Amino acid sequence: MVQHETVTVVRDCDATVVPAGTKVVIPEGTEVTITQTLGGSYSVITDRGFMARVEAVDADALGKEAAPETPKTAPVEQVTDPETMETLVWDQLRSVYDPEIPVNIVDLGLVYKCDVAEADDGYRVEVEMTMTAPGCGMG
């Protein structure tokens, strides 16, 4: 995790405004402060005062190297039982971070349940969760 590193954007960069979820482009030359680096994405505050999330694919625009993509789970075709599938789903849910604070959605208590059942074509997964705040546009 990075604590408040100021950088200048080296190329136009796609981003998502937090918490509205609006897609924007941060122009080349904009000074931003990186407030969080988790899960391969960056939370930044622009020189105009708004917070945005920059995905790993655009890390180079912040002068950073994108974290190498490493598979966190086995291919679904290789899963042979519902218990393994449930473990993989929980692991994926733990890789989703709140864009404003450095905590994943599972540890925040936003996920209430994860049920996995066998289906004709694989598995059926049902996740019950809540958003971090009413009207949150981030997900």
N, C-alpha and C. Protein backbone atom coordinates (compact mmCIF):
# COMPACT_ATOMS: atom_id res chain seq x y z
N MET A 1 0.85 -1.18 0.00
CA MET A 1 0.00 0.00 0.00
C MET A 1 0.89 1.23 0.00
N VAL A 2 0.52 2.22 -0.76
CA VAL A 2 1.27 3.47 -0.86
C VAL A 2 0.57 4.52 0.00
N GLN A 3 1.34 5.31 0.72
CA GLN A 3 0.75 6.37 1.54
C GLN A 3 1.08 7.73 0.94
N HIS A 4 0.14 8.32 0.26
CA HIS A 4 0.19 9.70 -0.19
C HIS A 4 1.46 10.06 -0.97
N GLU A 5 1.62 9.44 -2.11
CA GLU A 5 2.71 9.75 -3.02
C GLU A 5 2.15 10.62 -4.14
N THR A 6 2.76 11.78 -4.37
CA THR A 6 2.31 12.68 -5.42
C THR A 6 3.09 12.41 -6.70
N VAL A 7 2.34 12.24 -7.81
CA VAL A 7 2.95 11.98 -9.12
C VAL A 7 2.26 12.84 -10.17
N THR A 8 2.90 12.99 -11.31
CA THR A 8 2.30 13.69 -12.45
C THR A 8 1.92 12.65 -13.48
N VAL A 9 0.68 12.70 -13.95
CA VAL A 9 0.18 11.74 -14.94
C VAL A 9 0.94 11.97 -16.25
N VAL A 10 1.54 10.90 -16.80
CA VAL A 10 2.40 11.03 -17.97
C VAL A 10 1.68 10.83 -19.30
N ARG A 11 0.43 10.41 -19.25
CA ARG A 11 -0.42 10.30 -20.44
C ARG A 11 -1.87 10.35 -19.99
N ASP A 12 -2.78 10.67 -20.91
CA ASP A 12 -4.19 10.63 -20.56
C ASP A 12 -4.51 9.26 -19.97
N CYS A 13 -5.34 9.26 -18.94
CA CYS A 13 -5.55 8.04 -18.16
C CYS A 13 -7.03 7.87 -17.83
N ASP A 14 -7.59 6.71 -18.18
CA ASP A 14 -8.96 6.40 -17.80
C ASP A 14 -9.04 6.19 -16.30
N ALA A 15 -10.14 6.63 -15.70
CA ALA A 15 -10.34 6.48 -14.26
C ALA A 15 -11.83 6.44 -13.96
N THR A 16 -12.16 6.08 -12.74
CA THR A 16 -13.54 6.05 -12.27
C THR A 16 -13.63 6.91 -11.02
N VAL A 17 -14.53 7.90 -11.04
CA VAL A 17 -14.69 8.80 -9.89
C VAL A 17 -15.28 8.02 -8.73
N VAL A 18 -14.73 8.21 -7.54
CA VAL A 18 -15.20 7.57 -6.31
C VAL A 18 -15.96 8.61 -5.49
N PRO A 19 -17.15 8.32 -4.98
CA PRO A 19 -17.88 7.07 -5.09
C PRO A 19 -18.91 7.06 -6.21
N ALA A 20 -18.99 8.08 -7.05
CA ALA A 20 -20.05 8.19 -8.06
C ALA A 20 -20.02 7.08 -9.09
N GLY A 21 -18.82 6.58 -9.43
CA GLY A 21 -18.71 5.55 -10.45
C GLY A 21 -18.66 6.10 -11.86
N THR A 22 -18.58 7.41 -12.01
CA THR A 22 -18.54 8.05 -13.32
C THR A 22 -17.17 7.83 -13.96
N LYS A 23 -17.17 7.47 -15.25
CA LYS A 23 -15.92 7.30 -15.99
C LYS A 23 -15.39 8.66 -16.41
N VAL A 24 -14.10 8.89 -16.21
CA VAL A 24 -13.45 10.15 -16.59
C VAL A 24 -12.08 9.84 -17.20
N VAL A 25 -11.50 10.86 -17.79
CA VAL A 25 -10.12 10.78 -18.26
C VAL A 25 -9.32 11.82 -17.48
N ILE A 26 -8.27 11.39 -16.82
CA ILE A 26 -7.37 12.32 -16.13
C ILE A 26 -6.33 12.73 -17.17
N PRO A 27 -6.27 14.01 -17.50
CA PRO A 27 -5.37 14.46 -18.58
C PRO A 27 -3.89 14.35 -18.22
N GLU A 28 -3.09 14.12 -19.24
CA GLU A 28 -1.64 14.15 -19.09
C GLU A 28 -1.23 15.46 -18.44
N GLY A 29 -0.28 15.39 -17.52
CA GLY A 29 0.21 16.58 -16.84
C GLY A 29 -0.50 16.90 -15.53
N THR A 30 -1.60 16.20 -15.25
CA THR A 30 -2.33 16.41 -14.00
C THR A 30 -1.53 15.86 -12.83
N GLU A 31 -1.45 16.63 -11.76
CA GLU A 31 -0.80 16.15 -10.55
C GLU A 31 -1.84 15.42 -9.71
N VAL A 32 -1.52 14.18 -9.31
CA VAL A 32 -2.42 13.39 -8.47
C VAL A 32 -1.65 12.87 -7.26
N THR A 33 -2.38 12.62 -6.20
CA THR A 33 -1.79 12.01 -5.01
C THR A 33 -2.33 10.59 -4.90
N ILE A 34 -1.44 9.62 -4.93
CA ILE A 34 -1.84 8.22 -4.77
C ILE A 34 -2.06 7.99 -3.28
N THR A 35 -3.30 7.62 -2.93
CA THR A 35 -3.63 7.41 -1.52
C THR A 35 -3.70 5.94 -1.15
N GLN A 36 -3.81 5.07 -2.16
CA GLN A 36 -3.98 3.65 -1.88
C GLN A 36 -3.60 2.85 -3.10
N THR A 37 -2.91 1.74 -2.88
CA THR A 37 -2.59 0.80 -3.94
C THR A 37 -2.92 -0.58 -3.42
N LEU A 38 -4.02 -1.13 -3.89
CA LEU A 38 -4.44 -2.46 -3.45
C LEU A 38 -5.13 -3.18 -4.59
N GLY A 39 -4.92 -4.48 -4.65
CA GLY A 39 -5.62 -5.27 -5.64
C GLY A 39 -5.25 -4.90 -7.07
N GLY A 40 -4.10 -4.26 -7.26
CA GLY A 40 -3.67 -3.89 -8.59
C GLY A 40 -4.18 -2.55 -9.08
N SER A 41 -5.04 -1.91 -8.32
CA SER A 41 -5.57 -0.60 -8.73
C SER A 41 -5.04 0.48 -7.80
N TYR A 42 -5.23 1.73 -8.23
CA TYR A 42 -4.74 2.88 -7.47
C TYR A 42 -5.91 3.82 -7.17
N SER A 43 -5.99 4.29 -5.95
CA SER A 43 -6.92 5.36 -5.60
C SER A 43 -6.10 6.64 -5.57
N VAL A 44 -6.57 7.65 -6.31
CA VAL A 44 -5.83 8.92 -6.39
C VAL A 44 -6.76 10.08 -6.08
N ILE A 45 -6.17 11.17 -5.62
CA ILE A 45 -6.90 12.43 -5.48
C ILE A 45 -6.24 13.39 -6.45
N THR A 46 -7.07 13.99 -7.31
CA THR A 46 -6.53 14.88 -8.34
C THR A 46 -6.26 16.27 -7.77
N ASP A 47 -5.61 17.09 -8.59
CA ASP A 47 -5.33 18.46 -8.18
C ASP A 47 -6.61 19.30 -8.07
N ARG A 48 -7.72 18.75 -8.56
CA ARG A 48 -9.02 19.43 -8.42
C ARG A 48 -9.81 18.91 -7.23
N GLY A 49 -9.24 17.95 -6.51
CA GLY A 49 -9.85 17.50 -5.27
C GLY A 49 -10.77 16.31 -5.36
N PHE A 50 -10.93 15.69 -6.54
CA PHE A 50 -11.81 14.53 -6.57
C PHE A 50 -10.99 13.25 -6.50
N MET A 51 -11.62 12.21 -5.93
CA MET A 51 -10.98 10.92 -5.80
C MET A 51 -11.37 10.06 -6.99
N ALA A 52 -10.42 9.29 -7.49
CA ALA A 52 -10.69 8.41 -8.62
C ALA A 52 -9.90 7.12 -8.45
N ARG A 53 -10.41 6.09 -9.11
CA ARG A 53 -9.73 4.79 -9.11
C ARG A 53 -9.12 4.59 -10.49
N VAL A 54 -7.85 4.25 -10.52
CA VAL A 54 -7.13 3.97 -11.75
C VAL A 54 -6.80 2.48 -11.75
N GLU A 55 -7.22 1.78 -12.80
CA GLU A 55 -6.99 0.33 -12.87
C GLU A 55 -5.54 0.03 -13.21
N ALA A 56 -5.11 -1.19 -12.92
CA ALA A 56 -3.73 -1.62 -13.13
C ALA A 56 -3.27 -1.44 -14.57
N VAL A 57 -4.18 -1.59 -15.52
CA VAL A 57 -3.82 -1.46 -16.93
C VAL A 57 -3.29 -0.06 -17.25
N ASP A 58 -3.64 0.92 -16.43
CA ASP A 58 -3.19 2.30 -16.63
C ASP A 58 -2.12 2.72 -15.63
N ALA A 59 -1.50 1.77 -14.96
CA ALA A 59 -0.48 2.09 -13.96
C ALA A 59 0.67 2.88 -14.55
N ASP A 60 1.00 2.62 -15.81
CA ASP A 60 2.10 3.34 -16.44
C ASP A 60 1.84 4.84 -16.54
N ALA A 61 0.57 5.23 -16.62
CA ALA A 61 0.22 6.66 -16.67
C ALA A 61 0.59 7.36 -15.36
N LEU A 62 0.71 6.57 -14.29
CA LEU A 62 1.11 7.11 -12.98
C LEU A 62 2.60 6.92 -12.73
N GLY A 63 3.30 6.41 -13.75
CA GLY A 63 4.73 6.14 -13.58
C GLY A 63 5.00 4.86 -12.83
N LYS A 64 4.02 3.97 -12.79
CA LYS A 64 4.15 2.71 -12.06
C LYS A 64 4.12 1.55 -13.03
N GLU A 65 4.62 0.42 -12.60
CA GLU A 65 4.52 -0.80 -13.38
C GLU A 65 3.28 -1.55 -12.92
N ALA A 66 2.53 -2.04 -13.89
CA ALA A 66 1.36 -2.84 -13.54
C ALA A 66 1.83 -4.11 -12.84
N ALA A 67 1.13 -4.48 -11.79
CA ALA A 67 1.46 -5.72 -11.10
C ALA A 67 1.25 -6.87 -12.07
N PRO A 68 2.17 -7.82 -12.10
CA PRO A 68 2.00 -8.94 -13.02
C PRO A 68 0.74 -9.71 -12.68
N GLU A 69 0.02 -10.09 -13.71
CA GLU A 69 -1.21 -10.84 -13.49
C GLU A 69 -0.86 -12.28 -13.19
N THR A 70 -1.26 -12.71 -12.02
CA THR A 70 -1.05 -14.10 -11.64
C THR A 70 -2.40 -14.70 -11.33
N PRO A 71 -2.69 -15.85 -11.91
CA PRO A 71 -3.99 -16.45 -11.64
C PRO A 71 -4.13 -16.77 -10.16
N LYS A 72 -5.22 -16.32 -9.55
CA LYS A 72 -5.45 -16.56 -8.13
C LYS A 72 -6.29 -17.80 -7.91
N THR A 73 -6.83 -18.33 -8.99
CA THR A 73 -7.70 -19.49 -8.85
C THR A 73 -7.41 -20.50 -9.95
N ALA A 74 -7.85 -21.70 -9.71
CA ALA A 74 -7.77 -22.73 -10.73
C ALA A 74 -8.85 -22.46 -11.77
N PRO A 75 -8.61 -22.88 -13.01
CA PRO A 75 -9.69 -22.75 -14.00
C PRO A 75 -10.94 -23.47 -13.51
N VAL A 76 -12.08 -22.87 -13.75
CA VAL A 76 -13.35 -23.42 -13.26
C VAL A 76 -13.53 -24.86 -13.71
N GLU A 77 -13.06 -25.18 -14.91
CA GLU A 77 -13.22 -26.55 -15.43
C GLU A 77 -12.53 -27.58 -14.54
N GLN A 78 -11.52 -27.15 -13.77
CA GLN A 78 -10.77 -28.07 -12.93
C GLN A 78 -11.36 -28.25 -11.54
N VAL A 79 -12.39 -27.49 -11.21
CA VAL A 79 -13.01 -27.60 -9.89
C VAL A 79 -13.92 -28.82 -9.89
N THR A 80 -13.72 -29.68 -8.90
CA THR A 80 -14.45 -30.94 -8.89
C THR A 80 -15.50 -31.05 -7.79
N ASP A 81 -15.60 -30.04 -6.92
CA ASP A 81 -16.60 -30.13 -5.86
C ASP A 81 -17.03 -28.72 -5.42
N PRO A 82 -18.25 -28.60 -4.88
CA PRO A 82 -18.76 -27.29 -4.47
C PRO A 82 -17.92 -26.60 -3.39
N GLU A 83 -17.32 -27.38 -2.50
CA GLU A 83 -16.52 -26.78 -1.43
C GLU A 83 -15.30 -26.04 -1.99
N THR A 84 -14.65 -26.65 -2.98
CA THR A 84 -13.51 -25.99 -3.61
C THR A 84 -13.95 -24.73 -4.34
N MET A 85 -15.08 -24.82 -5.04
CA MET A 85 -15.61 -23.65 -5.75
C MET A 85 -15.91 -22.53 -4.76
N GLU A 86 -16.51 -22.86 -3.62
CA GLU A 86 -16.82 -21.83 -2.62
C GLU A 86 -15.55 -21.16 -2.11
N THR A 87 -14.51 -21.94 -1.87
CA THR A 87 -13.23 -21.38 -1.43
C THR A 87 -12.68 -20.42 -2.48
N LEU A 88 -12.75 -20.80 -3.75
CA LEU A 88 -12.26 -19.94 -4.83
C LEU A 88 -13.07 -18.64 -4.93
N VAL A 89 -14.38 -18.74 -4.75
CA VAL A 89 -15.23 -17.54 -4.80
C VAL A 89 -14.87 -16.60 -3.65
N TRP A 90 -14.74 -17.14 -2.44
CA TRP A 90 -14.36 -16.30 -1.29
C TRP A 90 -13.01 -15.63 -1.53
N ASP A 91 -12.06 -16.38 -2.12
CA ASP A 91 -10.75 -15.79 -2.42
C ASP A 91 -10.88 -14.63 -3.40
N GLN A 92 -11.73 -14.79 -4.41
CA GLN A 92 -11.94 -13.71 -5.38
C GLN A 92 -12.61 -12.51 -4.71
N LEU A 93 -13.58 -12.76 -3.85
CA LEU A 93 -14.25 -11.66 -3.15
C LEU A 93 -13.27 -10.89 -2.27
N ARG A 94 -12.30 -11.60 -1.69
CA ARG A 94 -11.29 -10.93 -0.85
C ARG A 94 -10.33 -10.08 -1.68
N SER A 95 -10.34 -10.23 -2.99
CA SER A 95 -9.46 -9.41 -3.84
C SER A 95 -10.12 -8.11 -4.27
N VAL A 96 -11.37 -7.88 -3.83
CA VAL A 96 -12.10 -6.66 -4.18
C VAL A 96 -12.00 -5.70 -3.00
N TYR A 97 -11.37 -4.55 -3.25
CA TYR A 97 -11.15 -3.58 -2.17
C TYR A 97 -12.08 -2.39 -2.30
N ASP A 98 -12.49 -1.87 -1.17
CA ASP A 98 -13.22 -0.60 -1.14
C ASP A 98 -12.26 0.45 -1.69
N PRO A 99 -12.71 1.29 -2.63
CA PRO A 99 -11.80 2.25 -3.24
C PRO A 99 -11.38 3.39 -2.32
N GLU A 100 -12.08 3.57 -1.21
CA GLU A 100 -11.77 4.69 -0.32
C GLU A 100 -10.93 4.30 0.89
N ILE A 101 -10.99 3.03 1.26
CA ILE A 101 -10.22 2.56 2.41
C ILE A 101 -9.55 1.24 2.06
N PRO A 102 -8.42 0.92 2.66
CA PRO A 102 -7.66 -0.27 2.26
C PRO A 102 -8.14 -1.56 2.92
N VAL A 103 -9.40 -1.88 2.74
CA VAL A 103 -9.97 -3.09 3.31
C VAL A 103 -10.81 -3.77 2.24
N ASN A 104 -10.70 -5.10 2.15
CA ASN A 104 -11.50 -5.80 1.14
C ASN A 104 -12.95 -5.96 1.62
N ILE A 105 -13.84 -6.27 0.68
CA ILE A 105 -15.27 -6.29 0.99
C ILE A 105 -15.66 -7.41 1.94
N VAL A 106 -14.89 -8.48 1.98
CA VAL A 106 -15.18 -9.57 2.93
C VAL A 106 -14.85 -9.11 4.35
N ASP A 107 -13.64 -8.58 4.53
CA ASP A 107 -13.22 -8.13 5.87
C ASP A 107 -14.03 -6.94 6.35
N LEU A 108 -14.60 -6.17 5.42
CA LEU A 108 -15.49 -5.07 5.80
C LEU A 108 -16.85 -5.57 6.29
N GLY A 109 -17.13 -6.85 6.04
CA GLY A 109 -18.42 -7.41 6.45
C GLY A 109 -19.54 -7.13 5.47
N LEU A 110 -19.19 -6.80 4.23
CA LEU A 110 -20.22 -6.48 3.23
C LEU A 110 -20.81 -7.72 2.58
N VAL A 111 -20.11 -8.86 2.68
CA VAL A 111 -20.60 -10.11 2.09
C VAL A 111 -21.24 -10.93 3.21
N TYR A 112 -22.53 -11.20 3.06
CA TYR A 112 -23.27 -11.92 4.09
C TYR A 112 -23.25 -13.42 3.90
N LYS A 113 -23.28 -13.85 2.64
CA LYS A 113 -23.24 -15.30 2.41
C LYS A 113 -22.77 -15.58 0.99
N CYS A 114 -22.29 -16.79 0.82
CA CYS A 114 -21.86 -17.29 -0.48
C CYS A 114 -22.30 -18.74 -0.54
N ASP A 115 -23.27 -19.03 -1.39
CA ASP A 115 -23.77 -20.39 -1.53
C ASP A 115 -23.37 -20.92 -2.90
N VAL A 116 -22.87 -22.15 -2.93
CA VAL A 116 -22.47 -22.79 -4.17
C VAL A 116 -23.23 -24.10 -4.28
N ALA A 117 -23.83 -24.33 -5.43
CA ALA A 117 -24.55 -25.58 -5.68
C ALA A 117 -24.17 -26.10 -7.06
N GLU A 118 -24.16 -27.41 -7.19
CA GLU A 118 -23.87 -27.99 -8.50
C GLU A 118 -25.04 -27.70 -9.43
N ALA A 119 -24.71 -27.47 -10.70
CA ALA A 119 -25.71 -27.23 -11.73
C ALA A 119 -25.36 -28.11 -12.93
N ASP A 120 -26.28 -28.19 -13.89
CA ASP A 120 -26.05 -29.03 -15.06
C ASP A 120 -24.78 -28.65 -15.82
N ASP A 121 -24.49 -27.36 -15.87
CA ASP A 121 -23.35 -26.88 -16.65
C ASP A 121 -22.18 -26.42 -15.78
N GLY A 122 -22.13 -26.84 -14.54
CA GLY A 122 -21.04 -26.45 -13.65
C GLY A 122 -21.54 -26.19 -12.24
N TYR A 123 -21.50 -24.93 -11.83
CA TYR A 123 -21.93 -24.54 -10.49
C TYR A 123 -22.78 -23.29 -10.55
N ARG A 124 -23.67 -23.17 -9.58
CA ARG A 124 -24.45 -21.95 -9.42
C ARG A 124 -23.95 -21.29 -8.13
N VAL A 125 -23.54 -20.03 -8.24
CA VAL A 125 -23.02 -19.30 -7.09
C VAL A 125 -23.95 -18.14 -6.79
N GLU A 126 -24.38 -18.04 -5.55
CA GLU A 126 -25.21 -16.91 -5.11
C GLU A 126 -24.47 -16.20 -3.98
N VAL A 127 -24.26 -14.90 -4.17
CA VAL A 127 -23.58 -14.08 -3.17
C VAL A 127 -24.56 -13.03 -2.69
N GLU A 128 -24.70 -12.92 -1.38
CA GLU A 128 -25.55 -11.89 -0.79
C GLU A 128 -24.64 -10.88 -0.11
N MET A 129 -24.77 -9.62 -0.53
CA MET A 129 -23.90 -8.58 0.03
C MET A 129 -24.61 -7.24 -0.02
N THR A 130 -23.96 -6.25 0.55
CA THR A 130 -24.48 -4.89 0.53
C THR A 130 -23.40 -3.97 -0.01
N MET A 131 -23.80 -2.76 -0.39
CA MET A 131 -22.82 -1.76 -0.80
C MET A 131 -22.28 -1.06 0.44
N THR A 132 -21.18 -0.33 0.26
CA THR A 132 -20.59 0.38 1.39
C THR A 132 -21.46 1.54 1.84
N ALA A 133 -22.21 2.13 0.90
CA ALA A 133 -23.05 3.28 1.24
C ALA A 133 -24.21 3.35 0.25
N PRO A 134 -25.39 3.79 0.69
CA PRO A 134 -26.50 3.95 -0.24
C PRO A 134 -26.10 4.90 -1.36
N GLY A 135 -26.42 4.50 -2.58
CA GLY A 135 -26.11 5.35 -3.72
C GLY A 135 -24.69 5.24 -4.22
N CYS A 136 -23.91 4.35 -3.64
CA CYS A 136 -22.52 4.19 -4.08
C CYS A 136 -22.51 3.72 -5.53
N GLY A 137 -21.83 4.43 -6.38
CA GLY A 137 -21.79 4.09 -7.79
C GLY A 137 -20.64 3.19 -8.18
N MET A 138 -19.86 2.75 -7.23
CA MET A 138 -18.68 1.96 -7.55
C MET A 138 -18.97 0.48 -7.77
N GLY A 139 -20.17 0.06 -7.56
CA GLY A 139 -20.36 -1.37 -7.78
C GLY A 139 -21.72 -1.79 -7.46
